[in-house]
Structure formats: structure tokens, C-alpha cells
Amino acid sequence: MTITSDSRTADLPTAVKDKARDAKDTAQAKIQDIQQHLHNGTEAVRDKADETRQQAKHLADQAVAKLPEPVVGRLTQVMAAVRQRPIPAVVALLAVLLVLRRLLRRNS
């Protein structure tokens, strides 16, 4: 078997290396673009969540200001209990919603 020094076969490994390097550079550029896009999206979601939380707090404060004092005191106690034991509170809420749903279906 004889090896010839044809210019095309001699350049083949270099061409393959160049293509691999180009593919790697392209992939890295795409990855950086995607990371930047995700970072921007994460910031946008975080900003929107902060804005929504502030609006909800403001609306809740307005609603509490309109309630009578005994109701506010009881509501504060209920919220403290929910914060201490959230799972039973969620279960109780779901049970109430299920009962209301059945009652409303029977009436319609």
C-alpha cells in the first residue's frame, strides 16, 4: 500500500478540524444566546412576580382597612394558623370548595 501526498488528502484532517472548531464555536454562541435569553426571561418573570405581589398586598391592605375591627382580629388569627400549618388549611379549603360545588350543582 502506498501513501500519496495528494493535497486534498493532506488537507482533510485540517479541514475536519476546522469544521469541528466552527461547529463548536457556533454551538457555544447559540448556548450563550440561549443563556442570555433565559436570564432576561427570568428577570422579567421575577419583576412581574414582584409587581403582582405588591399589587396583591396593596389590594389586601385596602380590603382589610374596610373591615370591622373584630373581623380583622379574627382574620389575623386565621392567617397565623394557616402560616403555621398550611397543609391542613389547604385540605380544609378544598373540602369547603367541594361541598360548595356539590351544593351549587344540586340547585341548578
PDB file of N, CA and C in Angstrom:
ATOM      1  N   MET A   1       0.851  -1.164   0.000  1.00  0.00           N
ATOM      2  CA  MET A   1       0.000   0.000   0.000  1.00  0.00           C
ATOM      3  C   MET A   1       0.903   1.235   0.000  1.00  0.00           C
ATOM      4  N   THR A   2       0.611   2.145  -0.860  1.00  0.00           N
ATOM      5  CA  THR A   2       1.431   3.339  -0.967  1.00  0.00           C
ATOM      6  C   THR A   2       0.614   4.552  -0.537  1.00  0.00           C
ATOM      7  N   ILE A   3       1.282   5.453   0.124  1.00  0.00           N
ATOM      8  CA  ILE A   3       0.630   6.678   0.566  1.00  0.00           C
ATOM      9  C   ILE A   3       1.062   7.785  -0.364  1.00  0.00           C
ATOM     10  N   THR A   4       0.100   8.452  -0.946  1.00  0.00           N
ATOM     11  CA  THR A   4       0.416   9.554  -1.846  1.00  0.00           C
ATOM     12  C   THR A   4       0.176  10.855  -1.122  1.00  0.00           C
ATOM     13  N   SER A   5       0.900  11.841  -1.493  1.00  0.00           N
ATOM     14  CA  SER A   5       0.738  13.146  -0.848  1.00  0.00           C
ATOM     15  C   SER A   5      -0.137  14.035  -1.712  1.00  0.00           C
ATOM     16  N   ASP A   6      -1.354  13.613  -1.891  1.00  0.00           N
ATOM     17  CA  ASP A   6      -2.326  14.412  -2.624  1.00  0.00           C
ATOM     18  C   ASP A   6      -2.742  15.574  -1.721  1.00  0.00           C
ATOM     19  N   SER A   7      -2.864  16.768  -2.232  1.00  0.00           N
ATOM     20  CA  SER A   7      -3.170  17.940  -1.423  1.00  0.00           C
ATOM     21  C   SER A   7      -4.540  17.834  -0.762  1.00  0.00           C
ATOM     22  N   ARG A   8      -5.457  17.156  -1.415  1.00  0.00           N
ATOM     23  CA  ARG A   8      -6.794  17.011  -0.824  1.00  0.00           C
ATOM     24  C   ARG A   8      -6.764  16.090   0.383  1.00  0.00           C
ATOM     25  N   THR A   9      -6.031  15.015   0.323  1.00  0.00           N
ATOM     26  CA  THR A   9      -5.977  14.109   1.465  1.00  0.00           C
ATOM     27  C   THR A   9      -5.116  14.678   2.579  1.00  0.00           C
ATOM     28  N   ALA A  10      -4.122  15.458   2.247  1.00  0.00           N
ATOM     29  CA  ALA A  10      -3.287  16.071   3.274  1.00  0.00           C
ATOM     30  C   ALA A  10      -4.066  17.132   4.036  1.00  0.00           C
ATOM     31  N   ASP A  11      -4.972  17.841   3.352  1.00  0.00           N
ATOM     32  CA  ASP A  11      -5.760  18.890   3.997  1.00  0.00           C
ATOM     33  C   ASP A  11      -6.988  18.354   4.714  1.00  0.00           C
ATOM     34  N   LEU A  12      -7.291  17.115   4.522  1.00  0.00           N
ATOM     35  CA  LEU A  12      -8.506  16.560   5.113  1.00  0.00           C
ATOM     36  C   LEU A  12      -8.523  16.677   6.634  1.00  0.00           C
ATOM     37  N   PRO A  13      -7.504  16.259   7.343  1.00  0.00           N
ATOM     38  CA  PRO A  13      -7.578  16.416   8.789  1.00  0.00           C
ATOM     39  C   PRO A  13      -7.706  17.874   9.225  1.00  0.00           C
ATOM     40  N   THR A  14      -7.045  18.780   8.555  1.00  0.00           N
ATOM     41  CA  THR A  14      -7.147  20.199   8.892  1.00  0.00           C
ATOM     42  C   THR A  14      -8.557  20.702   8.610  1.00  0.00           C
ATOM     43  N   ALA A  15      -9.119  20.291   7.477  1.00  0.00           N
ATOM     44  CA  ALA A  15     -10.478  20.707   7.140  1.00  0.00           C
ATOM     45  C   ALA A  15     -11.475  20.157   8.153  1.00  0.00           C
ATOM     46  N   VAL A  16     -11.281  18.917   8.562  1.00  0.00           N
ATOM     47  CA  VAL A  16     -12.178  18.324   9.562  1.00  0.00           C
ATOM     48  C   VAL A  16     -12.042  19.074  10.884  1.00  0.00           C
ATOM     49  N   LYS A  17     -10.798  19.385  11.255  1.00  0.00           N
ATOM     50  CA  LYS A  17     -10.581  20.143  12.493  1.00  0.00           C
ATOM     51  C   LYS A  17     -11.210  21.529  12.407  1.00  0.00           C
ATOM     52  N   ASP A  18     -11.085  22.172  11.263  1.00  0.00           N
ATOM     53  CA  ASP A  18     -11.685  23.494  11.090  1.00  0.00           C
ATOM     54  C   ASP A  18     -13.203  23.433  11.185  1.00  0.00           C
ATOM     55  N   LYS A  19     -13.788  22.416  10.553  1.00  0.00           N
ATOM     56  CA  LYS A  19     -15.248  22.269  10.626  1.00  0.00           C
ATOM     57  C   LYS A  19     -15.696  21.974  12.051  1.00  0.00           C
ATOM     58  N   ALA A  20     -14.940  21.136  12.738  1.00  0.00           N
ATOM     59  CA  ALA A  20     -15.286  20.822  14.123  1.00  0.00           C
ATOM     60  C   ALA A  20     -15.169  22.069  14.993  1.00  0.00           C
ATOM     61  N   ARG A  21     -14.125  22.856  14.768  1.00  0.00           N
ATOM     62  CA  ARG A  21     -13.947  24.092  15.539  1.00  0.00           C
ATOM     63  C   ARG A  21     -15.070  25.071  15.238  1.00  0.00           C
ATOM     64  N   ASP A  22     -15.445  25.181  13.962  1.00  0.00           N
ATOM     65  CA  ASP A  22     -16.547  26.069  13.580  1.00  0.00           C
ATOM     66  C   ASP A  22     -17.865  25.613  14.213  1.00  0.00           C
ATOM     67  N   ALA A  23     -18.100  24.306  14.201  1.00  0.00           N
ATOM     68  CA  ALA A  23     -19.327  23.773  14.813  1.00  0.00           C
ATOM     69  C   ALA A  23     -19.334  24.039  16.311  1.00  0.00           C
ATOM     70  N   LYS A  24     -18.175  23.865  16.938  1.00  0.00           N
ATOM     71  CA  LYS A  24     -18.064  24.121  18.382  1.00  0.00           C
ATOM     72  C   LYS A  24     -18.315  25.594  18.683  1.00  0.00           C
ATOM     73  N   ASP A  25     -17.718  26.483  17.882  1.00  0.00           N
ATOM     74  CA  ASP A  25     -17.913  27.919  18.093  1.00  0.00           C
ATOM     75  C   ASP A  25     -19.370  28.313  17.888  1.00  0.00           C
ATOM     76  N   THR A  26     -19.999  27.730  16.871  1.00  0.00           N
ATOM     77  CA  THR A  26     -21.415  28.009  16.613  1.00  0.00           C
ATOM     78  C   THR A  26     -22.281  27.522  17.769  1.00  0.00           C
ATOM     79  N   ALA A  27     -21.983  26.324  18.258  1.00  0.00           N
ATOM     80  CA  ALA A  27     -22.755  25.770  19.377  1.00  0.00           C
ATOM     81  C   ALA A  27     -22.572  26.628  20.623  1.00  0.00           C
ATOM     82  N   GLN A  28     -21.341  27.058  20.888  1.00  0.00           N
ATOM     83  CA  GLN A  28     -21.099  27.895  22.063  1.00  0.00           C
ATOM     84  C   GLN A  28     -21.810  29.235  21.943  1.00  0.00           C
ATOM     85  N   ALA A  29     -21.828  29.809  20.746  1.00  0.00           N
ATOM     86  CA  ALA A  29     -22.539  31.066  20.547  1.00  0.00           C
ATOM     87  C   ALA A  29     -24.037  30.883  20.778  1.00  0.00           C
ATOM     88  N   LYS A  30     -24.588  29.777  20.274  1.00  0.00           N
ATOM     89  CA  LYS A  30     -26.017  29.501  20.488  1.00  0.00           C
ATOM     90  C   LYS A  30     -26.315  29.319  21.969  1.00  0.00           C
ATOM     91  N   ILE A  31     -25.433  28.593  22.653  1.00  0.00           N
ATOM     92  CA  ILE A  31     -25.623  28.366  24.094  1.00  0.00           C
ATOM     93  C   ILE A  31     -25.602  29.689  24.843  1.00  0.00           C
ATOM     94  N   GLN A  32     -24.681  30.569  24.484  1.00  0.00           N
ATOM     95  CA  GLN A  32     -24.631  31.878  25.138  1.00  0.00           C
ATOM     96  C   GLN A  32     -25.888  32.693  24.858  1.00  0.00           C
ATOM     97  N   ASP A  33     -26.384  32.618  23.614  1.00  0.00           N
ATOM     98  CA  ASP A  33     -27.628  33.319  23.278  1.00  0.00           C
ATOM     99  C   ASP A  33     -28.795  32.785  24.109  1.00  0.00           C
ATOM    100  N   ILE A  34     -28.864  31.475  24.220  1.00  0.00           N
ATOM    101  CA  ILE A  34     -29.945  30.861  24.991  1.00  0.00           C
ATOM    102  C   ILE A  34     -29.832  31.223  26.461  1.00  0.00           C
ATOM    103  N   GLN A  35     -28.607  31.201  27.001  1.00  0.00           N
ATOM    104  CA  GLN A  35     -28.418  31.566  28.400  1.00  0.00           C
ATOM    105  C   GLN A  35     -28.830  33.011  28.646  1.00  0.00           C
ATOM    106  N   GLN A  36     -28.474  33.903  27.743  1.00  0.00           N
ATOM    107  CA  GLN A  36     -28.858  35.310  27.887  1.00  0.00           C
ATOM    108  C   GLN A  36     -30.370  35.465  27.806  1.00  0.00           C
ATOM    109  N   HIS A  37     -30.979  34.739  26.872  1.00  0.00           N
ATOM    110  CA  HIS A  37     -32.436  34.786  26.723  1.00  0.00           C
ATOM    111  C   HIS A  37     -33.120  34.288  28.004  1.00  0.00           C
ATOM    112  N   LEU A  38     -32.621  33.168  28.550  1.00  0.00           N
ATOM    113  CA  LEU A  38     -33.189  32.639  29.790  1.00  0.00           C
ATOM    114  C   LEU A  38     -32.994  33.608  30.947  1.00  0.00           C
ATOM    115  N   HIS A  39     -31.832  34.226  31.005  1.00  0.00           N
ATOM    116  CA  HIS A  39     -31.564  35.186  32.074  1.00  0.00           C
ATOM    117  C   HIS A  39     -32.527  36.371  31.980  1.00  0.00           C
ATOM    118  N   ASN A  40     -32.703  36.887  30.761  1.00  0.00           N
ATOM    119  CA  ASN A  40     -33.644  38.002  30.565  1.00  0.00           C
ATOM    120  C   ASN A  40     -35.065  37.587  30.914  1.00  0.00           C
ATOM    121  N   GLY A  41     -35.448  36.375  30.510  1.00  0.00           N
ATOM    122  CA  GLY A  41     -36.790  35.886  30.828  1.00  0.00           C
ATOM    123  C   GLY A  41     -36.992  35.711  32.316  1.00  0.00           C
ATOM    124  N   THR A  42     -35.960  35.202  32.993  1.00  0.00           N
ATOM    125  CA  THR A  42     -36.037  35.020  34.442  1.00  0.00           C
ATOM    126  C   THR A  42     -36.200  36.357  35.143  1.00  0.00           C
ATOM    127  N   GLU A  43     -35.444  37.346  34.699  1.00  0.00           N
ATOM    128  CA  GLU A  43     -35.572  38.678  35.298  1.00  0.00           C
ATOM    129  C   GLU A  43     -36.966  39.253  35.059  1.00  0.00           C
ATOM    130  N   ALA A  44     -37.491  39.061  33.862  1.00  0.00           N
ATOM    131  CA  ALA A  44     -38.825  39.580  33.548  1.00  0.00           C
ATOM    132  C   ALA A  44     -39.886  38.916  34.421  1.00  0.00           C
ATOM    133  N   VAL A  45     -39.774  37.599  34.593  1.00  0.00           N
ATOM    134  CA  VAL A  45     -40.734  36.882  35.437  1.00  0.00           C
ATOM    135  C   VAL A  45     -40.613  37.337  36.885  1.00  0.00           C
ATOM    136  N   ARG A  46     -39.384  37.508  37.355  1.00  0.00           N
ATOM    137  CA  ARG A  46     -39.166  37.964  38.733  1.00  0.00           C
ATOM    138  C   ARG A  46     -39.758  39.358  38.941  1.00  0.00           C
ATOM    139  N   ASP A  47     -39.540  40.248  37.967  1.00  0.00           N
ATOM    140  CA  ASP A  47     -40.096  41.601  38.070  1.00  0.00           C
ATOM    141  C   ASP A  47     -41.622  41.569  38.076  1.00  0.00           C
ATOM    142  N   LYS A  48     -42.197  40.753  37.206  1.00  0.00           N
ATOM    143  CA  LYS A  48     -43.663  40.655  37.143  1.00  0.00           C
ATOM    144  C   LYS A  48     -44.223  40.066  38.437  1.00  0.00           C
ATOM    145  N   ALA A  49     -43.524  39.074  38.996  1.00  0.00           N
ATOM    146  CA  ALA A  49     -43.971  38.476  40.256  1.00  0.00           C
ATOM    147  C   ALA A  49     -43.908  39.507  41.386  1.00  0.00           C
ATOM    148  N   ASP A  50     -42.852  40.298  41.419  1.00  0.00           N
ATOM    149  CA  ASP A  50     -42.752  41.344  42.442  1.00  0.00           C
ATOM    150  C   ASP A  50     -43.871  42.367  42.298  1.00  0.00           C
ATOM    151  N   GLU A  51     -44.128  42.769  41.059  1.00  0.00           N
ATOM    152  CA  GLU A  51     -45.200  43.726  40.806  1.00  0.00           C
ATOM    153  C   GLU A  51     -46.554  43.161  41.227  1.00  0.00           C
ATOM    154  N   THR A  52     -46.806  41.908  40.877  1.00  0.00           N
ATOM    155  CA  THR A  52     -48.075  41.266  41.237  1.00  0.00           C
ATOM    156  C   THR A  52     -48.211  41.128  42.739  1.00  0.00           C
ATOM    157  N   ARG A  53     -47.113  40.756  43.412  1.00  0.00           N
ATOM    158  CA  ARG A  53     -47.147  40.625  44.863  1.00  0.00           C
ATOM    159  C   ARG A  53     -47.455  41.972  45.520  1.00  0.00           C
ATOM    160  N   GLN A  54     -46.852  43.041  45.017  1.00  0.00           N
ATOM    161  CA  GLN A  54     -47.108  44.369  45.580  1.00  0.00           C
ATOM    162  C   GLN A  54     -48.558  44.787  45.362  1.00  0.00           C
ATOM    163  N   GLN A  55     -49.086  44.490  44.167  1.00  0.00           N
ATOM    164  CA  GLN A  55     -50.489  44.819  43.901  1.00  0.00           C
ATOM    165  C   GLN A  55     -51.419  44.033  44.817  1.00  0.00           C
ATOM    166  N   ALA A  56     -51.126  42.747  44.996  1.00  0.00           N
ATOM    167  CA  ALA A  56     -51.961  41.914  45.861  1.00  0.00           C
ATOM    168  C   ALA A  56     -51.903  42.418  47.299  1.00  0.00           C
ATOM    169  N   LYS A  57     -50.725  42.784  47.760  1.00  0.00           N
ATOM    170  CA  LYS A  57     -50.586  43.303  49.130  1.00  0.00           C
ATOM    171  C   LYS A  57     -51.352  44.604  49.283  1.00  0.00           C
ATOM    172  N   HIS A  58     -51.251  45.463  48.270  1.00  0.00           N
ATOM    173  CA  HIS A  58     -51.972  46.738  48.319  1.00  0.00           C
ATOM    174  C   HIS A  58     -53.479  46.511  48.358  1.00  0.00           C
ATOM    175  N   LEU A  59     -53.974  45.615  47.509  1.00  0.00           N
ATOM    176  CA  LEU A  59     -55.411  45.332  47.492  1.00  0.00           C
ATOM    177  C   LEU A  59     -55.866  44.686  48.795  1.00  0.00           C
ATOM    178  N   ALA A  60     -55.038  43.795  49.335  1.00  0.00           N
ATOM    179  CA  ALA A  60     -55.391  43.161  50.609  1.00  0.00           C
ATOM    180  C   ALA A  60     -55.427  44.197  51.720  1.00  0.00           C
ATOM    181  N   ASP A  61     -54.474  45.109  51.720  1.00  0.00           N
ATOM    182  CA  ASP A  61     -54.460  46.170  52.739  1.00  0.00           C
ATOM    183  C   ASP A  61     -55.701  47.056  52.619  1.00  0.00           C
ATOM    184  N   GLN A  62     -56.104  47.350  51.387  1.00  0.00           N
ATOM    185  CA  GLN A  62     -57.315  48.147  51.187  1.00  0.00           C
ATOM    186  C   GLN A  62     -58.546  47.408  51.701  1.00  0.00           C
ATOM    187  N   ALA A  63     -58.617  46.116  51.418  1.00  0.00           N
ATOM    188  CA  ALA A  63     -59.765  45.327  51.858  1.00  0.00           C
ATOM    189  C   ALA A  63     -59.809  45.237  53.378  1.00  0.00           C
ATOM    190  N   VAL A  64     -58.659  45.044  54.010  1.00  0.00           N
ATOM    191  CA  VAL A  64     -58.598  44.939  55.473  1.00  0.00           C
ATOM    192  C   VAL A  64     -58.987  46.269  56.109  1.00  0.00           C
ATOM    193  N   ALA A  65     -58.624  47.372  55.491  1.00  0.00           N
ATOM    194  CA  ALA A  65     -58.961  48.687  56.038  1.00  0.00           C
ATOM    195  C   ALA A  65     -60.475  48.911  56.065  1.00  0.00           C
ATOM    196  N   LYS A  66     -61.201  48.248  55.175  1.00  0.00           N
ATOM    197  CA  LYS A  66     -62.650  48.427  55.114  1.00  0.00           C
ATOM    198  C   LYS A  66     -63.406  47.485  56.057  1.00  0.00           C
ATOM    199  N   LEU A  67     -62.711  46.504  56.639  1.00  0.00           N
ATOM    200  CA  LEU A  67     -63.370  45.538  57.511  1.00  0.00           C
ATOM    201  C   LEU A  67     -63.484  46.074  58.939  1.00  0.00           C
ATOM    202  N   PRO A  68     -64.517  45.623  59.669  1.00  0.00           N
ATOM    203  CA  PRO A  68     -64.630  45.997  61.082  1.00  0.00           C
ATOM    204  C   PRO A  68     -63.485  45.371  61.894  1.00  0.00           C
ATOM    205  N   GLU A  69     -63.154  45.980  63.000  1.00  0.00           N
ATOM    206  CA  GLU A  69     -62.025  45.546  63.830  1.00  0.00           C
ATOM    207  C   GLU A  69     -62.130  44.097  64.311  1.00  0.00           C
ATOM    208  N   PRO A  70     -63.308  43.625  64.763  1.00  0.00           N
ATOM    209  CA  PRO A  70     -63.375  42.220  65.199  1.00  0.00           C
ATOM    210  C   PRO A  70     -63.065  41.241  64.066  1.00  0.00           C
ATOM    211  N   VAL A  71     -63.506  41.562  62.872  1.00  0.00           N
ATOM    212  CA  VAL A  71     -63.246  40.691  61.736  1.00  0.00           C
ATOM    213  C   VAL A  71     -61.748  40.683  61.420  1.00  0.00           C
ATOM    214  N   VAL A  72     -61.110  41.834  61.503  1.00  0.00           N
ATOM    215  CA  VAL A  72     -59.671  41.922  61.234  1.00  0.00           C
ATOM    216  C   VAL A  72     -58.899  41.089  62.251  1.00  0.00           C
ATOM    217  N   GLY A  73     -59.301  41.152  63.518  1.00  0.00           N
ATOM    218  CA  GLY A  73     -58.636  40.358  64.555  1.00  0.00           C
ATOM    219  C   GLY A  73     -58.770  38.866  64.288  1.00  0.00           C
ATOM    220  N   ARG A  74     -59.967  38.434  63.939  1.00  0.00           N
ATOM    221  CA  ARG A  74     -60.188  37.014  63.649  1.00  0.00           C
ATOM    222  C   ARG A  74     -59.432  36.586  62.399  1.00  0.00           C
ATOM    223  N   LEU A  75     -59.420  37.445  61.395  1.00  0.00           N
ATOM    224  CA  LEU A  75     -58.705  37.149  60.159  1.00  0.00           C
ATOM    225  C   LEU A  75     -57.201  37.012  60.419  1.00  0.00           C
ATOM    226  N   THR A  76     -56.680  37.850  61.279  1.00  0.00           N
ATOM    227  CA  THR A  76     -55.265  37.768  61.642  1.00  0.00           C
ATOM    228  C   THR A  76     -54.961  36.439  62.317  1.00  0.00           C
ATOM    229  N   GLN A  77     -55.854  35.985  63.184  1.00  0.00           N
ATOM    230  CA  GLN A  77     -55.666  34.693  63.849  1.00  0.00           C
ATOM    231  C   GLN A  77     -55.701  33.544  62.847  1.00  0.00           C
ATOM    232  N   VAL A  78     -56.643  33.608  61.921  1.00  0.00           N
ATOM    233  CA  VAL A  78     -56.762  32.552  60.906  1.00  0.00           C
ATOM    234  C   VAL A  78     -55.511  32.523  60.032  1.00  0.00           C
ATOM    235  N   MET A  79     -55.026  33.670  59.625  1.00  0.00           N
ATOM    236  CA  MET A  79     -53.824  33.721  58.784  1.00  0.00           C
ATOM    237  C   MET A  79     -52.604  33.193  59.529  1.00  0.00           C
ATOM    238  N   ALA A  80     -52.510  33.472  60.827  1.00  0.00           N
ATOM    239  CA  ALA A  80     -51.395  32.935  61.614  1.00  0.00           C
ATOM    240  C   ALA A  80     -51.472  31.407  61.673  1.00  0.00           C
ATOM    241  N   ALA A  81     -52.666  30.885  61.840  1.00  0.00           N
ATOM    242  CA  ALA A  81     -52.836  29.430  61.879  1.00  0.00           C
ATOM    243  C   ALA A  81     -52.497  28.802  60.531  1.00  0.00           C
ATOM    244  N   VAL A  82     -52.884  29.464  59.453  1.00  0.00           N
ATOM    245  CA  VAL A  82     -52.589  28.948  58.110  1.00  0.00           C
ATOM    246  C   VAL A  82     -51.084  28.945  57.870  1.00  0.00           C
ATOM    247  N   ARG A  83     -50.402  29.973  58.320  1.00  0.00           N
ATOM    248  CA  ARG A  83     -48.943  30.033  58.137  1.00  0.00           C
ATOM    249  C   ARG A  83     -48.235  28.949  58.941  1.00  0.00           C
ATOM    250  N   GLN A  84     -48.773  28.622  60.097  1.00  0.00           N
ATOM    251  CA  GLN A  84     -48.145  27.591  60.930  1.00  0.00           C
ATOM    252  C   GLN A  84     -48.407  26.194  60.377  1.00  0.00           C
ATOM    253  N   ARG A  85     -49.605  25.968  59.865  1.00  0.00           N
ATOM    254  CA  ARG A  85     -49.984  24.633  59.361  1.00  0.00           C
ATOM    255  C   ARG A  85     -50.683  24.785  58.018  1.00  0.00           C
ATOM    256  N   PRO A  86     -49.923  24.976  56.953  1.00  0.00           N
ATOM    257  CA  PRO A  86     -50.550  25.250  55.650  1.00  0.00           C
ATOM    258  C   PRO A  86     -51.263  24.055  55.025  1.00  0.00           C
ATOM    259  N   ILE A  87     -50.772  22.853  55.233  1.00  0.00           N
ATOM    260  CA  ILE A  87     -51.383  21.687  54.581  1.00  0.00           C
ATOM    261  C   ILE A  87     -52.799  21.437  55.089  1.00  0.00           C
ATOM    262  N   PRO A  88     -53.033  21.409  56.392  1.00  0.00           N
ATOM    263  CA  PRO A  88     -54.428  21.241  56.839  1.00  0.00           C
ATOM    264  C   PRO A  88     -55.343  22.375  56.369  1.00  0.00           C
ATOM    265  N   ALA A  89     -54.795  23.575  56.265  1.00  0.00           N
ATOM    266  CA  ALA A  89     -55.604  24.697  55.792  1.00  0.00           C
ATOM    267  C   ALA A  89     -56.005  24.497  54.333  1.00  0.00           C
ATOM    268  N   VAL A  90     -55.086  24.029  53.523  1.00  0.00           N
ATOM    269  CA  VAL A  90     -55.394  23.779  52.113  1.00  0.00           C
ATOM    270  C   VAL A  90     -56.413  22.656  51.992  1.00  0.00           C
ATOM    271  N   VAL A  91     -56.262  21.612  52.784  1.00  0.00           N
ATOM    272  CA  VAL A  91     -57.217  20.493  52.756  1.00  0.00           C
ATOM    273  C   VAL A  91     -58.607  20.982  53.160  1.00  0.00           C
ATOM    274  N   ALA A  92     -58.677  21.806  54.201  1.00  0.00           N
ATOM    275  CA  ALA A  92     -59.966  22.335  54.634  1.00  0.00           C
ATOM    276  C   ALA A  92     -60.588  23.212  53.546  1.00  0.00           C
ATOM    277  N   LEU A  93     -59.768  24.037  52.899  1.00  0.00           N
ATOM    278  CA  LEU A  93     -60.275  24.892  51.832  1.00  0.00           C
ATOM    279  C   LEU A  93     -60.808  24.060  50.670  1.00  0.00           C
ATOM    280  N   LEU A  94     -60.079  23.030  50.291  1.00  0.00           N
ATOM    281  CA  LEU A  94     -60.547  22.162  49.214  1.00  0.00           C
ATOM    282  C   LEU A  94     -61.838  21.454  49.587  1.00  0.00           C
ATOM    283  N   ALA A  95     -61.967  21.038  50.837  1.00  0.00           N
ATOM    284  CA  ALA A  95     -63.198  20.391  51.279  1.00  0.00           C
ATOM    285  C   ALA A  95     -64.377  21.359  51.194  1.00  0.00           C
ATOM    286  N   VAL A  96     -64.179  22.583  51.615  1.00  0.00           N
ATOM    287  CA  VAL A  96     -65.246  23.590  51.539  1.00  0.00           C
ATOM    288  C   VAL A  96     -65.633  23.834  50.084  1.00  0.00           C
ATOM    289  N   LEU A  97     -64.640  23.952  49.213  1.00  0.00           N
ATOM    290  CA  LEU A  97     -64.936  24.169  47.796  1.00  0.00           C
ATOM    291  C   LEU A  97     -65.685  22.993  47.187  1.00  0.00           C
ATOM    292  N   LEU A  98     -65.346  21.783  47.588  1.00  0.00           N
ATOM    293  CA  LEU A  98     -66.039  20.596  47.090  1.00  0.00           C
ATOM    294  C   LEU A  98     -67.499  20.592  47.546  1.00  0.00           C
ATOM    295  N   VAL A  99     -67.725  20.929  48.802  1.00  0.00           N
ATOM    296  CA  VAL A  99     -69.101  20.986  49.319  1.00  0.00           C
ATOM    297  C   VAL A  99     -69.896  22.064  48.583  1.00  0.00           C
ATOM    298  N   LEU A 100     -69.297  23.235  48.398  1.00  0.00           N
ATOM    299  CA  LEU A 100     -69.994  24.312  47.685  1.00  0.00           C
ATOM    300  C   LEU A 100     -70.313  23.909  46.246  1.00  0.00           C
ATOM    301  N   ARG A 101     -69.404  23.236  45.618  1.00  0.00           N
ATOM    302  CA  ARG A 101     -69.620  22.799  44.244  1.00  0.00           C
ATOM    303  C   ARG A 101     -70.803  21.826  44.164  1.00  0.00           C
ATOM    304  N   ARG A 102     -70.837  20.883  45.096  1.00  0.00           N
ATOM    305  CA  ARG A 102     -71.963  19.916  45.089  1.00  0.00           C
ATOM    306  C   ARG A 102     -73.288  20.611  45.384  1.00  0.00           C
ATOM    307  N   LEU A 103     -73.252  21.555  46.317  1.00  0.00           N
ATOM    308  CA  LEU A 103     -74.492  22.264  46.628  1.00  0.00           C
ATOM    309  C   LEU A 103     -74.973  23.093  45.435  1.00  0.00           C
ATOM    310  N   LEU A 104     -74.062  23.737  44.760  1.00  0.00           N
ATOM    311  CA  LEU A 104     -74.440  24.544  43.612  1.00  0.00           C
ATOM    312  C   LEU A 104     -74.928  23.686  42.439  1.00  0.00           C
ATOM    313  N   ARG A 105     -74.366  22.519  42.265  1.00  0.00           N
ATOM    314  CA  ARG A 105     -74.824  21.619  41.199  1.00  0.00           C
ATOM    315  C   ARG A 105     -76.234  21.106  41.474  1.00  0.00           C
ATOM    316  N   ARG A 106     -76.534  20.857  42.728  1.00  0.00           N
ATOM    317  CA  ARG A 106     -77.872  20.357  43.077  1.00  0.00           C
ATOM    318  C   ARG A 106     -78.918  21.444  42.835  1.00  0.00           C
ATOM    319  N   ASN A 107     -78.557  22.691  43.095  1.00  0.00           N
ATOM    320  CA  ASN A 107     -79.510  23.785  42.950  1.00  0.00           C
ATOM    321  C   ASN A 107     -79.736  24.197  41.488  1.00  0.00           C
ATOM    322  N   SER A 108     -78.818  23.842  40.586  1.00  0.00           N
ATOM    323  CA  SER A 108     -79.025  24.281  39.206  1.00  0.00           C
ATOM    324  C   SER A 108     -79.730  23.260  38.357  1.00  0.00           C
TER     325      SER A 108
END
